[in-house]
Amino acid sequence: MGNSMNNILIKDIPQALYEGYVWYSDAQTPVVMLGDKTQGVTLRKDAFIIEGLLWDRKARKSYRIAYDKGIQKVYCYDVTDADLNGEGDVVAEDYIVHRIPGIRRLSFLRYWLPEKDEMCEGFDVLMPKRLVFIGFNQLV
């Protein structure tokens, strides 16, 4: 499972053909990226990024930006072809979008990892550990 994660800074997110969005604190709707032109993430002096999900299909990298308790957090996930093919304990999931104009669904990979569970006599059970954005799903 190639779901390695690193904490990075916004300035470390490279320019790429991203599919995803960045939602600034002063906006009613997010900046949507459709993967049709090279873009990066812009820091603003008058607004912070509330949340962002970016998928770089070519590099197989997913970025999650979150603003939590006054701290900007950025996570970078490496995704493998095996992950995208649902091999191992990885499941593709789509979620319906309500507040992003023109976008129907967000697609994610859910990673499950075994953990010992005392309620199951110490046997390993699969627990959800990570949800990684992999773009938009515009199919009905």
N, C-alpha and C. Protein backbone atom coordinates (compact mmCIF):
# COMPACT_ATOMS: atom_id res chain seq x y z
N MET A 1 0.86 -1.17 0.00
CA MET A 1 0.00 0.00 0.00
C MET A 1 0.90 1.23 0.00
N GLY A 2 0.75 2.09 -1.01
CA GLY A 2 1.61 3.25 -1.14
C GLY A 2 0.97 4.52 -0.63
N ASN A 3 0.49 4.49 0.57
CA ASN A 3 -0.22 5.65 1.09
C ASN A 3 0.65 6.47 2.03
N SER A 4 1.92 6.64 1.69
CA SER A 4 2.79 7.41 2.58
C SER A 4 2.31 8.85 2.65
N MET A 5 2.49 9.47 3.80
CA MET A 5 2.01 10.82 4.04
C MET A 5 3.15 11.66 4.60
N ASN A 6 3.23 12.91 4.14
CA ASN A 6 4.22 13.84 4.66
C ASN A 6 3.54 15.16 4.98
N ASN A 7 3.96 15.80 6.05
CA ASN A 7 3.52 17.16 6.34
C ASN A 7 4.46 18.11 5.60
N ILE A 8 3.88 19.06 4.87
CA ILE A 8 4.68 20.01 4.11
C ILE A 8 4.12 21.41 4.30
N LEU A 9 4.75 22.40 3.68
CA LEU A 9 4.26 23.78 3.69
C LEU A 9 3.56 24.07 2.37
N ILE A 10 2.63 25.04 2.39
CA ILE A 10 1.92 25.39 1.16
C ILE A 10 2.88 25.77 0.05
N LYS A 11 3.95 26.49 0.39
CA LYS A 11 4.91 26.91 -0.63
C LYS A 11 5.62 25.73 -1.27
N ASP A 12 5.56 24.56 -0.65
CA ASP A 12 6.20 23.35 -1.19
C ASP A 12 5.31 22.58 -2.16
N ILE A 13 4.06 23.02 -2.34
CA ILE A 13 3.17 22.37 -3.30
C ILE A 13 3.59 22.87 -4.69
N PRO A 14 4.05 21.98 -5.56
CA PRO A 14 4.55 22.41 -6.87
C PRO A 14 3.42 22.78 -7.84
N GLN A 15 3.75 23.52 -8.87
CA GLN A 15 2.82 23.79 -9.96
C GLN A 15 2.56 22.46 -10.68
N ALA A 16 1.31 22.21 -11.05
CA ALA A 16 0.97 20.97 -11.75
C ALA A 16 -0.41 21.10 -12.37
N LEU A 17 -0.82 20.07 -13.08
CA LEU A 17 -2.16 20.00 -13.66
C LEU A 17 -3.09 19.41 -12.60
N TYR A 18 -3.52 20.23 -11.65
CA TYR A 18 -4.32 19.74 -10.53
C TYR A 18 -5.79 19.63 -10.87
N GLU A 19 -6.39 18.61 -10.28
CA GLU A 19 -7.83 18.49 -10.23
C GLU A 19 -8.17 18.65 -8.76
N GLY A 20 -9.08 19.56 -8.45
CA GLY A 20 -9.44 19.77 -7.05
C GLY A 20 -9.90 21.19 -6.81
N TYR A 21 -9.76 21.63 -5.57
CA TYR A 21 -10.21 22.97 -5.22
C TYR A 21 -9.43 23.52 -4.04
N VAL A 22 -9.44 24.85 -3.94
CA VAL A 22 -8.88 25.56 -2.80
C VAL A 22 -9.93 26.58 -2.38
N TRP A 23 -10.30 26.56 -1.09
CA TRP A 23 -11.35 27.43 -0.58
C TRP A 23 -10.72 28.46 0.36
N TYR A 24 -10.79 29.72 -0.05
CA TYR A 24 -10.23 30.82 0.74
C TYR A 24 -11.28 31.36 1.73
N SER A 25 -10.80 31.90 2.83
CA SER A 25 -11.69 32.36 3.90
C SER A 25 -12.58 33.53 3.49
N ASP A 26 -12.21 34.26 2.46
CA ASP A 26 -13.02 35.41 2.04
C ASP A 26 -13.93 35.11 0.85
N ALA A 27 -14.12 33.84 0.51
CA ALA A 27 -14.89 33.47 -0.68
C ALA A 27 -16.11 32.63 -0.33
N GLN A 28 -17.17 32.79 -1.11
CA GLN A 28 -18.39 32.00 -0.94
C GLN A 28 -18.28 30.64 -1.62
N THR A 29 -17.42 30.55 -2.64
CA THR A 29 -17.19 29.30 -3.36
C THR A 29 -15.68 29.12 -3.54
N PRO A 30 -15.24 27.89 -3.74
CA PRO A 30 -13.80 27.65 -3.88
C PRO A 30 -13.29 27.94 -5.28
N VAL A 31 -11.98 28.05 -5.38
CA VAL A 31 -11.30 28.09 -6.67
C VAL A 31 -11.20 26.64 -7.13
N VAL A 32 -11.81 26.32 -8.27
CA VAL A 32 -11.85 24.95 -8.77
C VAL A 32 -10.79 24.77 -9.85
N MET A 33 -10.07 23.68 -9.77
CA MET A 33 -9.05 23.34 -10.76
C MET A 33 -9.49 22.04 -11.43
N LEU A 34 -9.53 22.05 -12.77
CA LEU A 34 -10.05 20.91 -13.51
C LEU A 34 -8.98 20.07 -14.19
N GLY A 35 -7.72 20.34 -13.88
CA GLY A 35 -6.65 19.55 -14.46
C GLY A 35 -6.35 19.88 -15.90
N ASP A 36 -6.85 21.04 -16.38
CA ASP A 36 -6.65 21.41 -17.78
C ASP A 36 -5.55 22.45 -17.99
N LYS A 37 -5.00 22.99 -16.91
CA LYS A 37 -3.87 23.92 -17.02
C LYS A 37 -3.02 23.84 -15.77
N THR A 38 -1.74 24.15 -15.95
CA THR A 38 -0.80 24.10 -14.83
C THR A 38 -1.12 25.22 -13.86
N GLN A 39 -1.28 24.86 -12.59
CA GLN A 39 -1.61 25.82 -11.55
C GLN A 39 -0.87 25.46 -10.27
N GLY A 40 -0.85 26.43 -9.37
CA GLY A 40 -0.30 26.22 -8.04
C GLY A 40 -1.26 26.79 -7.02
N VAL A 41 -0.86 26.81 -5.78
CA VAL A 41 -1.67 27.37 -4.71
C VAL A 41 -1.10 28.72 -4.34
N THR A 42 -1.95 29.73 -4.33
CA THR A 42 -1.53 31.09 -4.04
C THR A 42 -1.88 31.46 -2.61
N LEU A 43 -0.90 31.94 -1.87
CA LEU A 43 -1.16 32.46 -0.53
C LEU A 43 -1.60 33.92 -0.66
N ARG A 44 -2.58 34.32 0.13
CA ARG A 44 -3.08 35.70 0.10
C ARG A 44 -2.81 36.36 1.44
N LYS A 45 -2.56 37.67 1.39
CA LYS A 45 -2.33 38.41 2.63
C LYS A 45 -3.62 38.64 3.39
N ASP A 46 -4.74 38.77 2.67
CA ASP A 46 -6.01 39.13 3.30
C ASP A 46 -6.92 37.93 3.58
N ALA A 47 -6.49 36.71 3.24
CA ALA A 47 -7.33 35.53 3.47
C ALA A 47 -6.44 34.30 3.66
N PHE A 48 -6.97 33.35 4.40
CA PHE A 48 -6.25 32.08 4.57
C PHE A 48 -7.04 30.99 3.84
N ILE A 49 -6.43 29.84 3.68
CA ILE A 49 -7.10 28.72 3.02
C ILE A 49 -7.83 27.90 4.09
N ILE A 50 -9.15 27.85 3.96
CA ILE A 50 -9.97 27.07 4.89
C ILE A 50 -9.74 25.58 4.65
N GLU A 51 -9.81 25.19 3.37
CA GLU A 51 -9.57 23.81 3.01
C GLU A 51 -9.20 23.73 1.54
N GLY A 52 -8.51 22.66 1.22
CA GLY A 52 -8.15 22.42 -0.16
C GLY A 52 -7.88 20.95 -0.38
N LEU A 53 -8.28 20.46 -1.54
CA LEU A 53 -8.00 19.09 -1.97
C LEU A 53 -7.47 19.17 -3.39
N LEU A 54 -6.28 18.64 -3.61
CA LEU A 54 -5.65 18.69 -4.92
C LEU A 54 -5.16 17.30 -5.31
N TRP A 55 -5.37 16.94 -6.58
CA TRP A 55 -4.90 15.65 -7.09
C TRP A 55 -4.05 15.90 -8.33
N ASP A 56 -2.80 15.46 -8.27
CA ASP A 56 -1.88 15.52 -9.39
C ASP A 56 -1.80 14.11 -9.97
N ARG A 57 -2.59 13.88 -11.01
CA ARG A 57 -2.71 12.54 -11.60
C ARG A 57 -1.37 12.03 -12.14
N LYS A 58 -0.62 12.91 -12.79
CA LYS A 58 0.65 12.50 -13.40
C LYS A 58 1.67 12.04 -12.34
N ALA A 59 1.80 12.81 -11.27
CA ALA A 59 2.77 12.49 -10.21
C ALA A 59 2.21 11.52 -9.18
N ARG A 60 0.90 11.23 -9.27
CA ARG A 60 0.23 10.35 -8.30
C ARG A 60 0.37 10.88 -6.88
N LYS A 61 0.13 12.19 -6.73
CA LYS A 61 0.20 12.83 -5.41
C LYS A 61 -1.11 13.52 -5.11
N SER A 62 -1.53 13.41 -3.86
CA SER A 62 -2.73 14.07 -3.38
C SER A 62 -2.34 15.01 -2.25
N TYR A 63 -2.90 16.21 -2.26
CA TYR A 63 -2.61 17.20 -1.22
C TYR A 63 -3.90 17.57 -0.51
N ARG A 64 -3.81 17.65 0.80
CA ARG A 64 -4.95 18.11 1.61
C ARG A 64 -4.48 19.30 2.43
N ILE A 65 -5.22 20.40 2.31
CA ILE A 65 -4.91 21.62 3.07
C ILE A 65 -6.06 21.83 4.05
N ALA A 66 -5.73 22.06 5.31
CA ALA A 66 -6.75 22.28 6.33
C ALA A 66 -6.30 23.41 7.25
N TYR A 67 -7.27 24.16 7.75
CA TYR A 67 -7.01 25.20 8.73
C TYR A 67 -7.64 24.74 10.03
N ASP A 68 -6.80 24.44 11.03
CA ASP A 68 -7.29 23.86 12.27
C ASP A 68 -6.74 24.62 13.46
N LYS A 69 -7.63 25.26 14.21
CA LYS A 69 -7.25 25.98 15.44
C LYS A 69 -6.14 26.99 15.19
N GLY A 70 -6.28 27.74 14.09
CA GLY A 70 -5.32 28.79 13.79
C GLY A 70 -4.03 28.33 13.13
N ILE A 71 -3.96 27.06 12.78
CA ILE A 71 -2.75 26.52 12.16
C ILE A 71 -3.08 25.95 10.79
N GLN A 72 -2.31 26.37 9.79
CA GLN A 72 -2.47 25.84 8.44
C GLN A 72 -1.71 24.51 8.35
N LYS A 73 -2.41 23.44 8.00
CA LYS A 73 -1.79 22.13 7.88
C LYS A 73 -1.89 21.66 6.44
N VAL A 74 -0.79 21.11 5.94
CA VAL A 74 -0.76 20.60 4.57
C VAL A 74 -0.19 19.18 4.60
N TYR A 75 -0.91 18.27 3.98
CA TYR A 75 -0.49 16.87 3.92
C TYR A 75 -0.34 16.46 2.47
N CYS A 76 0.71 15.72 2.19
CA CYS A 76 0.96 15.19 0.85
C CYS A 76 0.94 13.67 0.93
N TYR A 77 0.14 13.04 0.07
CA TYR A 77 0.01 11.59 0.05
C TYR A 77 0.53 11.05 -1.27
N ASP A 78 1.32 9.99 -1.22
CA ASP A 78 1.75 9.29 -2.42
C ASP A 78 0.77 8.16 -2.68
N VAL A 79 0.30 8.06 -3.92
CA VAL A 79 -0.67 7.04 -4.30
C VAL A 79 -0.05 6.18 -5.39
N THR A 80 -0.18 4.87 -5.26
CA THR A 80 0.38 3.95 -6.26
C THR A 80 -0.70 3.49 -7.23
N ASP A 81 -0.27 2.91 -8.33
CA ASP A 81 -1.22 2.33 -9.28
C ASP A 81 -2.01 1.20 -8.61
N ALA A 82 -1.35 0.44 -7.75
CA ALA A 82 -2.04 -0.64 -7.02
C ALA A 82 -3.17 -0.07 -6.17
N ASP A 83 -2.91 1.06 -5.53
CA ASP A 83 -3.96 1.71 -4.72
C ASP A 83 -5.14 2.10 -5.62
N LEU A 84 -4.83 2.72 -6.76
CA LEU A 84 -5.88 3.16 -7.69
C LEU A 84 -6.68 1.98 -8.25
N ASN A 85 -6.04 0.82 -8.33
CA ASN A 85 -6.72 -0.39 -8.83
C ASN A 85 -7.46 -1.14 -7.72
N GLY A 86 -7.43 -0.62 -6.50
CA GLY A 86 -8.16 -1.23 -5.39
C GLY A 86 -7.51 -2.48 -4.84
N GLU A 87 -6.20 -2.62 -5.07
CA GLU A 87 -5.51 -3.79 -4.55
C GLU A 87 -5.25 -3.62 -3.06
N GLY A 88 -5.25 -4.73 -2.35
CA GLY A 88 -5.02 -4.67 -0.91
C GLY A 88 -6.26 -4.15 -0.21
N ASP A 89 -6.04 -3.48 0.89
CA ASP A 89 -7.15 -2.97 1.71
C ASP A 89 -7.42 -1.51 1.39
N VAL A 90 -7.65 -1.23 0.10
CA VAL A 90 -7.94 0.13 -0.38
C VAL A 90 -9.26 0.07 -1.15
N VAL A 91 -10.15 1.00 -0.85
CA VAL A 91 -11.47 1.03 -1.48
C VAL A 91 -11.72 2.43 -2.03
N ALA A 92 -12.21 2.51 -3.26
CA ALA A 92 -12.59 3.79 -3.86
C ALA A 92 -13.97 4.19 -3.35
N GLU A 93 -14.12 5.49 -3.02
CA GLU A 93 -15.41 6.01 -2.53
C GLU A 93 -15.65 7.36 -3.18
N ASP A 94 -16.90 7.64 -3.51
CA ASP A 94 -17.30 8.95 -4.03
C ASP A 94 -18.28 9.60 -3.06
N TYR A 95 -18.17 10.92 -2.96
CA TYR A 95 -19.08 11.69 -2.11
C TYR A 95 -19.72 12.79 -2.94
N ILE A 96 -21.03 12.94 -2.80
CA ILE A 96 -21.78 13.95 -3.54
C ILE A 96 -21.38 15.33 -3.03
N VAL A 97 -21.22 16.26 -3.96
CA VAL A 97 -20.82 17.63 -3.64
C VAL A 97 -22.06 18.53 -3.64
N HIS A 98 -22.15 19.43 -2.67
CA HIS A 98 -23.29 20.33 -2.59
C HIS A 98 -22.92 21.80 -2.81
N ARG A 99 -21.70 22.18 -2.50
CA ARG A 99 -21.37 23.61 -2.50
C ARG A 99 -20.25 24.00 -3.46
N ILE A 100 -19.94 23.14 -4.42
CA ILE A 100 -18.92 23.47 -5.41
C ILE A 100 -19.60 23.46 -6.77
N PRO A 101 -19.86 24.64 -7.33
CA PRO A 101 -20.59 24.73 -8.61
C PRO A 101 -19.90 23.93 -9.72
N GLY A 102 -20.72 23.14 -10.44
CA GLY A 102 -20.23 22.40 -11.59
C GLY A 102 -19.57 21.07 -11.28
N ILE A 103 -19.44 20.73 -10.03
CA ILE A 103 -18.81 19.47 -9.64
C ILE A 103 -19.86 18.55 -9.03
N ARG A 104 -19.91 17.29 -9.49
CA ARG A 104 -20.92 16.34 -8.99
C ARG A 104 -20.44 15.56 -7.78
N ARG A 105 -19.22 14.98 -7.89
CA ARG A 105 -18.73 14.11 -6.81
C ARG A 105 -17.23 14.29 -6.62
N LEU A 106 -16.81 14.08 -5.38
CA LEU A 106 -15.39 14.02 -5.05
C LEU A 106 -15.03 12.54 -4.90
N SER A 107 -13.91 12.14 -5.48
CA SER A 107 -13.47 10.74 -5.40
C SER A 107 -12.31 10.62 -4.42
N PHE A 108 -12.34 9.57 -3.62
CA PHE A 108 -11.33 9.31 -2.61
C PHE A 108 -10.92 7.85 -2.62
N LEU A 109 -9.77 7.57 -2.04
CA LEU A 109 -9.37 6.22 -1.70
C LEU A 109 -9.41 6.11 -0.18
N ARG A 110 -10.07 5.08 0.32
CA ARG A 110 -10.11 4.82 1.76
C ARG A 110 -9.12 3.69 2.03
N TYR A 111 -8.18 3.96 2.93
CA TYR A 111 -7.18 2.97 3.33
C TYR A 111 -7.60 2.34 4.65
N TRP A 112 -7.60 1.02 4.68
CA TRP A 112 -7.94 0.25 5.87
C TRP A 112 -6.68 -0.45 6.34
N LEU A 113 -6.42 -0.42 7.63
CA LEU A 113 -5.26 -1.10 8.19
C LEU A 113 -5.69 -1.99 9.35
N PRO A 114 -5.03 -3.16 9.49
CA PRO A 114 -5.40 -4.06 10.59
C PRO A 114 -4.92 -3.53 11.94
N GLU A 115 -5.77 -3.71 12.95
CA GLU A 115 -5.44 -3.37 14.33
C GLU A 115 -5.98 -4.47 15.23
N LYS A 116 -5.24 -4.78 16.26
CA LYS A 116 -5.74 -5.76 17.24
C LYS A 116 -6.94 -5.15 17.96
N ASP A 117 -7.95 -5.97 18.15
CA ASP A 117 -9.17 -5.50 18.79
C ASP A 117 -9.51 -6.44 19.94
N GLU A 118 -9.47 -5.93 21.16
CA GLU A 118 -9.76 -6.75 22.34
C GLU A 118 -11.20 -7.24 22.36
N MET A 119 -12.09 -6.50 21.70
CA MET A 119 -13.49 -6.92 21.61
C MET A 119 -13.65 -8.13 20.67
N CYS A 120 -12.62 -8.41 19.89
CA CYS A 120 -12.62 -9.57 18.97
C CYS A 120 -11.53 -10.56 19.39
N GLU A 121 -11.37 -10.72 20.69
CA GLU A 121 -10.42 -11.66 21.28
C GLU A 121 -8.98 -11.44 20.80
N GLY A 122 -8.65 -10.18 20.56
CA GLY A 122 -7.28 -9.84 20.19
C GLY A 122 -6.95 -10.06 18.72
N PHE A 123 -7.92 -10.47 17.93
CA PHE A 123 -7.68 -10.66 16.50
C PHE A 123 -7.58 -9.30 15.81
N ASP A 124 -6.90 -9.30 14.68
CA ASP A 124 -6.83 -8.09 13.87
C ASP A 124 -8.17 -7.83 13.19
N VAL A 125 -8.59 -6.58 13.19
CA VAL A 125 -9.76 -6.13 12.44
C VAL A 125 -9.32 -4.94 11.59
N LEU A 126 -9.95 -4.77 10.45
CA LEU A 126 -9.61 -3.64 9.59
C LEU A 126 -10.28 -2.38 10.11
N MET A 127 -9.48 -1.32 10.22
CA MET A 127 -9.97 -0.02 10.69
C MET A 127 -9.66 1.02 9.62
N PRO A 128 -10.61 1.95 9.37
CA PRO A 128 -10.32 3.00 8.39
C PRO A 128 -9.23 3.93 8.94
N LYS A 129 -8.19 4.19 8.14
CA LYS A 129 -7.05 4.97 8.62
C LYS A 129 -6.82 6.25 7.84
N ARG A 130 -7.21 6.26 6.58
CA ARG A 130 -6.88 7.44 5.78
C ARG A 130 -7.87 7.56 4.62
N LEU A 131 -8.24 8.80 4.30
CA LEU A 131 -9.11 9.09 3.17
C LEU A 131 -8.34 10.07 2.28
N VAL A 132 -8.00 9.63 1.05
CA VAL A 132 -7.12 10.40 0.17
C VAL A 132 -7.88 10.80 -1.10
N PHE A 133 -7.89 12.10 -1.39
CA PHE A 133 -8.59 12.65 -2.56
C PHE A 133 -7.89 12.24 -3.85
N ILE A 134 -8.70 11.79 -4.85
CA ILE A 134 -8.13 11.44 -6.16
C ILE A 134 -8.92 12.06 -7.31
N GLY A 135 -9.49 13.23 -7.09
CA GLY A 135 -10.12 13.96 -8.20
C GLY A 135 -11.63 14.00 -8.13
N PHE A 136 -12.21 14.46 -9.25
CA PHE A 136 -13.64 14.60 -9.38
C PHE A 136 -14.20 13.43 -10.20
N ASN A 137 -15.44 13.07 -9.91
CA ASN A 137 -16.16 12.09 -10.70
C ASN A 137 -17.40 12.80 -11.21
N GLN A 138 -17.41 13.10 -12.49
CA GLN A 138 -18.52 13.85 -13.09
C GLN A 138 -19.59 12.94 -13.69
N LEU A 139 -19.40 11.61 -13.56
CA LEU A 139 -20.41 10.68 -14.08
C LEU A 139 -21.65 10.70 -13.21
N VAL A 140 -22.79 10.46 -13.81
CA VAL A 140 -24.06 10.49 -13.06
C VAL A 140 -24.17 9.33 -12.12
